[in-house]
Amino acid sequence: MSRAFWELIERSGMNDFTYRYIVGYVESDPVVIAAAYTVTTDIAIFAPPVVRRLLDGVRKVLPNFLKWKMLECGTPITISSPPYIRAEGVSDAMVIEALNRDFRRLAKSERCLIIVVRDFEPSAHDLREPFRLLGYHWTDSLPNTYMEIRWRTPQEYQASMRSYFRSKLNKHLKRNVEAGVRHELVENFAPLADTLCAQWMEVHTHASEFQREVLTPTFYHELPARLGPLTKVLLFYRGEVLVGHALLLMDGDMLRWLYVGREKAENDSLYIYVAEKVVEAAILQGAKRLEMGLTTYPIKQDLGADVVPIKLAIRASWGLINPFVGLGYALLNKVPNPSPRQVFKASSAEARAS
């Protein structure tokens, strides 16, 4: 919720986003802040393959079928964050009721059919009832992935893995080393903005699980200027050719893996190499937690990430159709529910838990 972050988002020119900022007061004291924005979004954004193929066929004739202008509260880019920040001693129920009045008013003035409030992790379960009382449906979003960082060195991390996962990882790392792949961590990547955005677009256009915000070269250019040393990029070279990158953001004691880009989207070992080097960067940067983001769950789980469910609160701005919104959304969208994997040795898992 920093000013620098939202200045970056506004200046980046992504999609058709328009932004509003809501500050709530008790008498003259500001006690809550939230960001709300409008954007045209696919209501079937997490559609399973069969539904996606059907929609692709329909959209050859009707390009905007089931793409609606929505009002969202959260963050425009795909990082998980509470939708609002409140002062201590202020009840969530009071905040949610006040914000809902503004959401309804904004949705009406901006002609948005759907209101979405996101993201809610398991610790926010108690917020479900206040939203339900205001007509919101509590529904699934794509789960997030996190890794708790408990190792002092990358060597300790690998040593804590069970032999199957360690040997599997080392096989892919060796394959990349033999192919001449190397990497470096860079802080000022603004001169590479056009190249990095093109690499991200290559991955984005081939994504089958999730597509939403469309990044711009301005986003990559402004990120280091606005957030300084908090943001870095891992650059991956094959020989002297830049073949990929991973964009990182330090948020408190958590390192967020924002995006990945490739010169060419391929099903090969490079992504595994990239993901492992992101884990290594989190360890070396002293992060306590690593957010690894949405999608590609099997690879991230093999590295030791935990899959964490995410919920949305969603309702129609028009009360007459609101009862059908939750059902319709659930029918059109299906999110994965990967089973946990025991990647680390029992003694290591106990040490991490403690």
Protein backbone atom coordinates (compact mmCIF):
# COMPACT_ATOMS: atom_id res chain seq x y z
CA MET A 1 0.00 0.00 0.00
CA SER A 2 2.97 2.37 -0.35
CA ARG A 3 2.67 5.48 -2.48
CA ALA A 4 5.70 4.38 -4.53
CA PHE A 5 4.03 1.07 -5.42
CA TRP A 6 0.79 2.66 -6.58
CA GLU A 7 2.63 5.36 -8.53
CA LEU A 8 4.41 2.55 -10.35
CA ILE A 9 1.13 0.75 -11.04
CA GLU A 10 -0.60 3.91 -12.31
CA ARG A 11 2.28 4.92 -14.58
CA SER A 12 2.73 1.45 -16.08
CA GLY A 13 -0.34 1.69 -18.35
CA MET A 14 -1.50 -1.90 -17.95
CA ASN A 15 -4.78 -3.02 -19.56
CA ASP A 16 -7.68 -0.59 -19.10
CA PHE A 17 -7.21 -0.19 -15.33
CA THR A 18 -8.51 2.98 -13.67
CA TYR A 19 -7.73 3.55 -10.01
CA ARG A 20 -9.44 4.98 -6.92
CA TYR A 21 -8.12 5.15 -3.34
CA ILE A 22 -10.44 4.96 -0.37
CA VAL A 23 -9.49 6.36 3.04
CA GLY A 24 -11.86 5.79 5.95
CA TYR A 25 -11.97 8.01 9.01
CA VAL A 26 -13.26 7.86 12.56
CA GLU A 27 -13.88 11.53 13.30
CA SER A 28 -10.67 13.14 11.94
CA ASP A 29 -8.43 10.08 12.26
CA PRO A 30 -7.70 7.95 9.16
CA VAL A 31 -8.26 4.30 10.15
CA VAL A 32 -8.44 2.33 6.89
CA ILE A 33 -7.03 2.53 3.37
CA ALA A 34 -7.93 0.46 0.32
CA ALA A 35 -7.38 0.66 -3.42
CA ALA A 36 -10.21 -0.02 -5.86
CA TYR A 37 -9.87 -0.20 -9.63
CA THR A 38 -11.95 -1.02 -12.66
CA VAL A 39 -10.74 -3.40 -15.36
CA THR A 40 -12.24 -5.54 -18.10
CA THR A 41 -11.81 -9.13 -16.94
CA ASP A 42 -12.73 -12.58 -18.21
CA ILE A 43 -15.42 -13.88 -15.82
CA ALA A 44 -14.18 -17.39 -16.73
CA ILE A 45 -10.58 -16.53 -15.90
CA PHE A 46 -9.85 -19.92 -14.28
CA ALA A 47 -11.93 -21.98 -16.71
CA PRO A 48 -11.01 -25.67 -17.12
CA PRO A 49 -9.66 -26.75 -20.54
CA VAL A 50 -13.02 -27.93 -21.92
CA VAL A 51 -14.75 -24.65 -21.07
CA ARG A 52 -11.73 -22.68 -22.30
CA ARG A 53 -11.84 -24.38 -25.70
CA LEU A 54 -15.57 -23.68 -25.97
CA LEU A 55 -15.04 -20.03 -25.08
CA ASP A 56 -12.18 -19.71 -27.57
CA GLY A 57 -14.56 -20.91 -30.29
CA VAL A 58 -17.32 -18.48 -29.32
CA ARG A 59 -14.86 -15.57 -29.05
CA LYS A 60 -13.78 -16.01 -32.65
CA VAL A 61 -17.21 -14.58 -33.45
CA LEU A 62 -17.85 -12.57 -30.25
CA PRO A 63 -14.42 -11.43 -28.95
CA ASN A 64 -15.77 -9.92 -25.72
CA PHE A 65 -18.10 -12.77 -24.74
CA LEU A 66 -18.10 -13.08 -20.89
CA LYS A 67 -15.50 -10.30 -20.59
CA TRP A 68 -17.02 -7.73 -18.27
CA LYS A 69 -15.97 -4.46 -16.69
CA MET A 70 -15.45 -5.20 -13.00
CA LEU A 71 -14.64 -3.26 -9.87
CA GLU A 72 -11.91 -4.91 -7.81
CA CYS A 73 -10.33 -4.21 -4.46
CA GLY A 74 -6.85 -5.67 -4.06
CA THR A 75 -3.77 -5.36 -6.27
CA PRO A 76 -3.83 -5.24 -10.10
CA ILE A 77 -0.75 -7.44 -10.48
CA THR A 78 -0.76 -11.05 -9.35
CA ILE A 79 0.63 -10.78 -5.87
CA SER A 80 -1.48 -11.82 -2.91
CA SER A 81 -2.19 -9.02 -0.46
CA PRO A 82 -4.95 -8.13 2.02
CA PRO A 83 -7.48 -5.86 0.28
CA TYR A 84 -7.27 -3.16 2.95
CA ILE A 85 -5.17 -2.00 5.88
CA ARG A 86 -6.88 -0.88 9.07
CA ALA A 87 -5.79 0.63 12.36
CA GLU A 88 -5.74 -1.50 15.48
CA GLY A 89 -8.96 -1.37 17.47
CA VAL A 90 -11.17 -0.86 14.41
CA SER A 91 -13.47 -3.79 13.70
CA ASP A 92 -13.29 -5.57 10.36
CA ALA A 93 -17.09 -5.71 10.21
CA MET A 94 -17.32 -1.93 10.42
CA VAL A 95 -14.58 -1.49 7.80
CA ILE A 96 -16.18 -3.98 5.39
CA GLU A 97 -19.60 -2.35 5.71
CA ALA A 98 -18.15 1.10 5.03
CA LEU A 99 -16.04 -0.09 2.09
CA ASN A 100 -19.02 -1.92 0.61
CA ARG A 101 -20.97 1.35 0.45
CA ASP A 102 -18.16 2.90 -1.57
CA PHE A 103 -17.80 -0.20 -3.76
CA ARG A 104 -21.52 -0.19 -4.58
CA ARG A 105 -21.45 3.52 -5.36
CA LEU A 106 -18.33 3.23 -7.53
CA ALA A 107 -19.67 0.17 -9.36
CA LYS A 108 -22.85 2.06 -10.22
CA SER A 109 -21.05 5.21 -11.43
CA GLU A 110 -18.50 3.18 -13.44
CA ARG A 111 -21.15 0.76 -14.79
CA CYS A 112 -19.44 -2.34 -13.38
CA LEU A 113 -21.62 -5.43 -13.13
CA ILE A 114 -19.34 -7.36 -10.74
CA ILE A 115 -17.52 -6.38 -7.54
CA VAL A 116 -14.53 -8.51 -6.47
CA VAL A 117 -12.60 -8.17 -3.20
CA ARG A 118 -9.33 -10.13 -3.01
CA ASP A 119 -7.17 -11.88 -1.71
CA PHE A 120 -8.08 -13.86 1.40
CA GLU A 121 -5.73 -16.51 2.76
CA PRO A 122 -6.77 -19.01 5.50
CA SER A 123 -5.95 -16.52 8.28
CA ALA A 124 -8.74 -14.26 6.93
CA HIS A 125 -11.48 -16.88 7.33
CA ASP A 126 -13.27 -14.78 9.98
CA LEU A 127 -13.97 -12.13 7.32
CA ARG A 128 -16.24 -14.49 5.41
CA GLU A 129 -19.31 -13.82 7.56
CA PRO A 130 -19.20 -9.98 7.37
CA PHE A 131 -18.98 -10.24 3.58
CA ARG A 132 -21.75 -12.86 3.43
CA LEU A 133 -24.09 -10.57 5.37
CA LEU A 134 -23.56 -7.96 2.65
CA GLY A 135 -24.42 -10.37 -0.15
CA TYR A 136 -20.93 -11.46 -1.19
CA HIS A 137 -20.13 -15.01 -2.30
CA TRP A 138 -16.96 -16.50 -0.79
CA THR A 139 -15.37 -18.43 -3.64
CA ASP A 140 -12.08 -19.98 -4.76
CA SER A 141 -9.26 -18.21 -6.52
CA LEU A 142 -6.06 -19.80 -7.80
CA PRO A 143 -3.99 -20.93 -4.80
CA ASN A 144 -0.69 -19.28 -4.00
CA THR A 145 2.65 -20.95 -3.22
CA TYR A 146 5.01 -20.10 -0.37
CA MET A 147 8.25 -21.42 1.02
CA GLU A 148 9.38 -20.72 4.58
CA ILE A 149 13.12 -19.97 4.44
CA ARG A 150 14.99 -21.64 7.31
CA TRP A 151 18.37 -22.26 5.72
CA ARG A 152 21.52 -20.17 6.00
CA THR A 153 22.97 -21.33 2.69
CA PRO A 154 21.75 -22.94 -0.55
CA GLN A 155 23.81 -26.00 0.39
CA GLU A 156 21.80 -26.40 3.62
CA TYR A 157 18.59 -26.14 1.60
CA GLN A 158 19.56 -28.94 -0.76
CA ALA A 159 20.90 -31.08 2.09
CA SER A 160 17.52 -30.86 3.83
CA MET A 161 15.70 -32.39 0.84
CA ARG A 162 14.79 -36.04 0.60
CA SER A 163 17.06 -37.89 -1.81
CA TYR A 164 14.42 -38.35 -4.54
CA PHE A 165 13.67 -34.62 -4.83
CA ARG A 166 17.32 -33.62 -4.44
CA SER A 167 18.50 -35.98 -7.19
CA LYS A 168 15.63 -34.89 -9.44
CA LEU A 169 16.58 -31.22 -8.95
CA ASN A 170 20.31 -31.82 -9.46
CA LYS A 171 19.62 -33.66 -12.71
CA HIS A 172 17.94 -30.58 -14.14
CA LEU A 173 20.56 -28.20 -12.72
CA LYS A 174 23.34 -30.28 -14.27
CA ARG A 175 21.55 -30.28 -17.62
CA ASN A 176 21.48 -26.47 -17.63
CA VAL A 177 25.10 -26.13 -16.54
CA GLU A 178 26.16 -28.44 -19.35
CA ALA A 179 24.13 -26.29 -21.77
CA GLY A 180 26.13 -23.23 -20.68
CA VAL A 181 23.37 -21.58 -18.64
CA ARG A 182 24.47 -19.03 -16.04
CA HIS A 183 22.74 -16.30 -14.07
CA GLU A 184 23.34 -13.00 -12.35
CA LEU A 185 21.35 -10.82 -9.95
CA VAL A 186 20.89 -7.24 -11.19
CA GLU A 187 19.45 -4.22 -9.37
CA ASN A 188 19.22 -1.59 -12.11
CA PHE A 189 17.44 -3.32 -14.98
CA ALA A 190 15.67 -0.29 -16.47
CA PRO A 191 17.90 -0.32 -19.62
CA LEU A 192 16.61 -3.84 -20.32
CA ALA A 193 12.92 -2.91 -19.97
CA ASP A 194 11.94 -3.58 -23.59
CA THR A 195 13.73 -6.93 -23.70
CA LEU A 196 12.38 -8.10 -20.34
CA CYS A 197 8.82 -7.14 -21.25
CA ALA A 198 9.11 -9.00 -24.55
CA GLN A 199 10.33 -12.09 -22.67
CA TRP A 200 7.43 -11.83 -20.24
CA MET A 201 4.99 -11.47 -23.16
CA GLU A 202 6.36 -14.66 -24.70
CA VAL A 203 5.45 -16.57 -21.54
CA HIS A 204 2.13 -14.75 -21.12
CA THR A 205 0.85 -15.51 -24.62
CA HIS A 206 1.58 -19.22 -24.16
CA ALA A 207 0.05 -19.47 -20.67
CA SER A 208 -2.80 -21.98 -20.45
CA GLU A 209 -3.74 -21.66 -16.76
CA PHE A 210 -4.14 -17.95 -16.17
CA GLN A 211 -3.93 -14.66 -18.08
CA ARG A 212 -4.86 -11.26 -16.71
CA GLU A 213 -2.69 -8.14 -16.47
CA VAL A 214 -0.61 -7.27 -19.52
CA LEU A 215 2.71 -5.79 -18.47
CA THR A 216 4.40 -2.95 -20.36
CA PRO A 217 8.00 -1.82 -20.87
CA THR A 218 7.10 1.15 -18.66
CA PHE A 219 6.37 -1.28 -15.80
CA TYR A 220 9.87 -2.76 -16.04
CA HIS A 221 11.44 0.67 -16.49
CA GLU A 222 9.67 2.30 -13.54
CA LEU A 223 10.02 -0.58 -11.08
CA PRO A 224 13.67 0.01 -10.12
CA ALA A 225 13.18 3.80 -10.26
CA ARG A 226 10.21 3.72 -7.85
CA LEU A 227 11.19 0.88 -5.51
CA GLY A 228 14.98 1.03 -5.73
CA PRO A 229 16.95 -1.81 -4.11
CA LEU A 230 13.74 -3.59 -3.04
CA THR A 231 13.40 -4.93 -6.56
CA LYS A 232 15.89 -7.00 -8.52
CA VAL A 233 15.96 -9.25 -11.54
CA LEU A 234 17.70 -12.58 -12.03
CA LEU A 235 19.05 -12.68 -15.58
CA PHE A 236 19.68 -16.04 -17.22
CA TYR A 237 22.16 -16.43 -20.07
CA ARG A 238 22.97 -19.33 -22.35
CA GLY A 239 26.46 -18.40 -23.40
CA GLU A 240 26.17 -14.66 -24.10
CA VAL A 241 22.47 -14.74 -25.02
CA LEU A 242 19.88 -13.51 -22.49
CA VAL A 243 17.33 -16.34 -22.51
CA GLY A 244 15.17 -15.55 -19.49
CA HIS A 245 14.60 -13.64 -16.28
CA ALA A 246 12.84 -13.75 -12.93
CA LEU A 247 11.54 -10.50 -11.44
CA LEU A 248 11.84 -10.24 -7.64
CA LEU A 249 10.50 -7.82 -5.03
CA MET A 250 11.47 -7.70 -1.35
CA ASP A 251 8.37 -6.88 0.72
CA GLY A 252 9.34 -6.64 4.39
CA ASP A 253 10.99 -9.97 5.20
CA MET A 254 9.25 -11.76 2.31
CA LEU A 255 10.70 -12.08 -1.18
CA ARG A 256 8.01 -12.09 -3.86
CA TRP A 257 8.72 -13.80 -7.18
CA LEU A 258 6.61 -11.56 -9.39
CA TYR A 259 7.10 -12.75 -12.96
CA VAL A 260 9.19 -14.93 -15.24
CA GLY A 261 10.13 -14.30 -18.85
CA ARG A 262 11.65 -16.46 -21.59
CA GLU A 263 13.21 -15.74 -24.96
CA LYS A 264 11.21 -18.73 -26.19
CA ALA A 265 8.47 -20.55 -24.29
CA GLU A 266 9.53 -24.20 -24.18
CA ASN A 267 8.90 -27.24 -22.00
CA ASP A 268 12.47 -27.78 -20.85
CA SER A 269 14.67 -27.72 -17.76
CA LEU A 270 15.34 -23.97 -17.79
CA TYR A 271 12.23 -23.12 -15.75
CA ILE A 272 13.34 -25.52 -13.00
CA TYR A 273 16.79 -23.93 -13.02
CA VAL A 274 15.16 -20.47 -12.77
CA ALA A 275 12.91 -21.54 -9.89
CA GLU A 276 15.80 -23.04 -7.92
CA LYS A 277 17.85 -19.87 -8.37
CA VAL A 278 14.90 -17.85 -7.04
CA VAL A 279 14.98 -20.02 -3.90
CA GLU A 280 18.73 -19.49 -3.70
CA ALA A 281 18.25 -15.72 -4.02
CA ALA A 282 15.71 -15.74 -1.17
CA ILE A 283 18.23 -17.52 1.07
CA LEU A 284 21.12 -15.23 0.14
CA GLN A 285 18.96 -12.08 0.49
CA GLY A 286 18.00 -13.09 4.04
CA ALA A 287 14.27 -13.45 3.36
CA LYS A 288 12.17 -15.30 5.92
CA ARG A 289 9.53 -16.29 3.39
CA LEU A 290 9.37 -16.70 -0.38
CA GLU A 291 6.17 -16.15 -2.34
CA MET A 292 6.42 -18.20 -5.54
CA GLY A 293 3.09 -17.19 -7.06
CA LEU A 294 0.32 -18.87 -9.01
CA THR A 295 0.44 -21.80 -11.49
CA THR A 296 3.19 -24.37 -12.30
CA TYR A 297 2.42 -26.00 -8.94
CA PRO A 298 4.19 -29.37 -9.46
CA ILE A 299 7.60 -27.74 -10.08
CA LYS A 300 7.27 -25.40 -7.11
CA GLN A 301 6.10 -28.23 -4.86
CA ASP A 302 9.08 -30.35 -5.91
CA LEU A 303 11.28 -27.52 -4.65
CA GLY A 304 9.47 -27.52 -1.29
CA ALA A 305 6.79 -24.86 -1.70
CA ASP A 306 3.47 -25.16 0.15
CA VAL A 307 0.22 -24.53 -1.74
CA VAL A 308 -2.05 -22.08 0.12
CA PRO A 309 -5.73 -21.65 -0.85
CA ILE A 310 -6.95 -18.17 -1.75
CA LYS A 311 -10.54 -16.91 -1.56
CA LEU A 312 -12.40 -14.07 -3.26
CA ALA A 313 -15.49 -12.18 -2.11
CA ILE A 314 -17.65 -11.55 -5.18
CA ARG A 315 -21.08 -10.05 -5.76
CA ALA A 316 -23.11 -8.36 -8.48
CA SER A 317 -23.67 -4.65 -8.22
CA TRP A 318 -27.28 -5.30 -9.30
CA GLY A 319 -29.11 -7.09 -6.48
CA LEU A 320 -31.56 -9.00 -8.67
CA ILE A 321 -28.87 -11.12 -10.31
CA ASN A 322 -26.56 -11.37 -7.31
CA PRO A 323 -27.93 -14.76 -6.10
CA PHE A 324 -26.74 -16.32 -9.37
CA VAL A 325 -23.24 -14.84 -9.40
CA GLY A 326 -21.65 -17.31 -7.00
CA LEU A 327 -23.10 -20.33 -8.80
CA GLY A 328 -22.21 -19.00 -12.24
CA TYR A 329 -18.66 -18.22 -11.21
CA ALA A 330 -18.21 -21.70 -9.69
CA LEU A 331 -19.54 -23.39 -12.85
CA LEU A 332 -17.25 -21.44 -15.17
CA ASN A 333 -14.09 -21.68 -13.07
CA LYS A 334 -12.24 -24.58 -11.50
CA VAL A 335 -9.06 -24.11 -9.49
CA PRO A 336 -6.45 -26.82 -8.83
CA ASN A 337 -6.08 -28.43 -5.43
CA PRO A 338 -2.64 -30.12 -5.42
CA SER A 339 -1.90 -32.70 -2.74
CA PRO A 340 0.94 -31.83 -0.31
CA ARG A 341 4.38 -33.33 -0.94
CA GLN A 342 6.93 -34.28 1.67
CA VAL A 343 10.02 -32.79 0.04
CA PHE A 344 12.16 -32.37 3.13
CA LYS A 345 13.53 -34.94 5.57
CA ALA A 346 11.47 -35.39 8.72
CA SER A 347 14.15 -33.86 10.95
CA SER A 348 14.42 -30.85 8.60
CA ALA A 349 10.65 -30.37 8.50
CA GLU A 350 10.54 -30.39 12.31
CA ALA A 351 13.32 -27.82 12.45
CA ARG A 352 11.52 -25.60 9.93
CA ALA A 353 8.28 -25.84 11.89
CA SER A 354 10.01 -24.83 15.11
